[in-house]
Amino acid sequence: MDHLHILWTNADPLTSENMVFMYGVNSLRMGWWDKVTIITWGATAKLAAENELIAARINEAQEAGAHISACKACAEELGVADKLAGMGIEIKYWGEGLTDLIKNDRKLLTI
């Protein structure tokens, strides 16, 4: 399956807007990938919950068909799990899932 996972760890808003979401959304709109999953990890969970521009980009990505998921441990540690869940973001532990992606040579872009 043509499924790209974007591991989003860089909490710089410009990088988030002009790489993660620009590429993720355009990948779906242009048919470069059938599925795109964006995984928030670390400080990006806090950025997603607190930055209105990034929240708008998340919504745009969801409307384009991207699946947005957040590392539960990170979101809880940063106190934003409920806020992210309210934005329609899946909250789950990603350690095992990320390991599986890497060990099985799945398409993973890390930003």
Protein backbone atom coordinates (compact mmCIF):
# COMPACT_ATOMS: atom_id res chain seq x y z
CA MET A 1 0.00 0.00 0.00
CA ASP A 2 1.14 3.52 -0.75
CA HIS A 3 1.02 4.79 2.84
CA LEU A 4 3.38 7.50 4.07
CA HIS A 5 3.92 8.09 7.76
CA ILE A 6 5.33 11.48 8.72
CA LEU A 7 6.96 11.50 12.15
CA TRP A 8 6.60 15.14 13.17
CA THR A 9 9.05 16.02 15.95
CA ASN A 10 10.22 19.49 14.92
CA ALA A 11 8.10 22.07 16.76
CA ASP A 12 9.22 25.00 14.62
CA PRO A 13 5.95 26.47 13.24
CA LEU A 14 7.52 27.39 9.88
CA THR A 15 8.85 23.88 9.36
CA SER A 16 5.52 22.44 10.45
CA GLU A 17 3.53 24.61 8.06
CA ASN A 18 5.92 24.62 5.11
CA MET A 19 7.02 20.99 5.18
CA VAL A 20 4.89 18.67 7.28
CA PHE A 21 1.50 20.04 6.27
CA MET A 22 2.41 21.37 2.85
CA TYR A 23 3.82 18.03 1.75
CA GLY A 24 1.30 15.91 3.65
CA VAL A 25 -1.74 17.67 2.21
CA ASN A 26 -0.36 18.01 -1.31
CA SER A 27 0.62 14.33 -1.28
CA LEU A 28 -3.04 13.43 -0.92
CA ARG A 29 -4.43 16.09 -3.23
CA MET A 30 -1.95 15.26 -6.01
CA GLY A 31 -2.21 11.50 -5.54
CA TRP A 32 1.47 11.01 -4.65
CA TRP A 33 0.41 8.80 -1.73
CA ASP A 34 -2.84 6.91 -1.13
CA LYS A 35 -2.67 7.47 2.63
CA VAL A 36 -0.79 9.89 4.85
CA THR A 37 -0.50 9.57 8.61
CA ILE A 38 1.09 12.44 10.54
CA ILE A 39 2.39 11.43 13.96
CA THR A 40 2.98 14.18 16.52
CA TRP A 41 5.78 13.30 18.90
CA GLY A 42 7.31 15.38 21.67
CA ALA A 43 7.02 19.15 21.55
CA THR A 44 4.82 19.07 18.44
CA ALA A 45 1.93 17.89 20.62
CA LYS A 46 2.09 21.15 22.57
CA LEU A 47 2.49 23.20 19.37
CA ALA A 48 -0.56 21.51 17.84
CA ALA A 49 -2.67 22.16 20.92
CA GLU A 50 -1.64 25.79 21.44
CA ASN A 51 -0.90 27.34 18.03
CA GLU A 52 -4.01 28.44 16.13
CA LEU A 53 -2.28 28.47 12.73
CA ILE A 54 -1.01 24.93 13.22
CA ALA A 55 -4.45 23.84 14.45
CA ALA A 56 -5.88 25.22 11.20
CA ARG A 57 -3.28 23.25 9.20
CA ILE A 58 -4.20 20.11 11.11
CA ASN A 59 -7.85 20.66 10.26
CA GLU A 60 -6.94 21.23 6.60
CA ALA A 61 -4.91 18.01 6.57
CA GLN A 62 -7.78 16.07 8.13
CA GLU A 63 -10.19 17.46 5.54
CA ALA A 64 -7.78 16.36 2.79
CA GLY A 65 -7.87 12.84 4.23
CA ALA A 66 -4.73 12.73 6.38
CA HIS A 67 -4.85 10.75 9.57
CA ILE A 68 -3.37 12.66 12.51
CA SER A 69 -2.17 10.74 15.54
CA ALA A 70 -0.31 11.79 18.69
CA CYS A 71 2.02 9.96 21.01
CA LYS A 72 -0.07 9.43 24.13
CA ALA A 73 2.88 9.54 26.51
CA CYS A 74 4.06 12.87 25.07
CA ALA A 75 0.57 14.39 25.00
CA GLU A 76 -0.09 13.38 28.61
CA GLU A 77 3.34 14.55 29.79
CA LEU A 78 2.71 17.96 28.19
CA GLY A 79 -0.88 18.16 29.48
CA VAL A 80 -2.49 18.41 26.03
CA ALA A 81 -4.04 14.96 25.45
CA ASP A 82 -7.64 16.13 25.96
CA LYS A 83 -7.16 19.17 23.74
CA LEU A 84 -5.69 17.06 20.93
CA ALA A 85 -8.44 14.47 21.22
CA GLY A 86 -10.97 17.31 20.96
CA MET A 87 -9.33 18.28 17.67
CA GLY A 88 -10.07 14.83 16.27
CA ILE A 89 -6.50 13.61 16.73
CA GLU A 90 -6.00 9.97 17.63
CA ILE A 91 -4.12 9.57 20.92
CA LYS A 92 -2.14 6.34 21.31
CA TYR A 93 1.16 4.96 22.49
CA TRP A 94 3.43 4.98 19.45
CA GLY A 95 6.64 3.30 20.65
CA GLU A 96 5.74 -0.17 19.44
CA GLY A 97 4.04 1.13 16.30
CA LEU A 98 7.04 3.23 15.31
CA THR A 99 9.34 0.29 15.92
CA ASP A 100 7.13 -1.85 13.67
CA LEU A 101 7.23 0.78 10.90
CA ILE A 102 11.02 0.92 11.02
CA LYS A 103 11.62 -2.83 11.27
CA ASN A 104 9.29 -3.52 8.35
CA ASP A 105 10.81 -0.87 6.09
CA ARG A 106 7.57 1.09 5.80
CA LYS A 107 7.61 4.57 4.28
CA LEU A 108 8.57 6.94 7.10
CA LEU A 109 9.57 10.58 6.74
CA THR A 110 10.97 12.13 9.90
CA ILE A 111 10.79 15.90 10.37
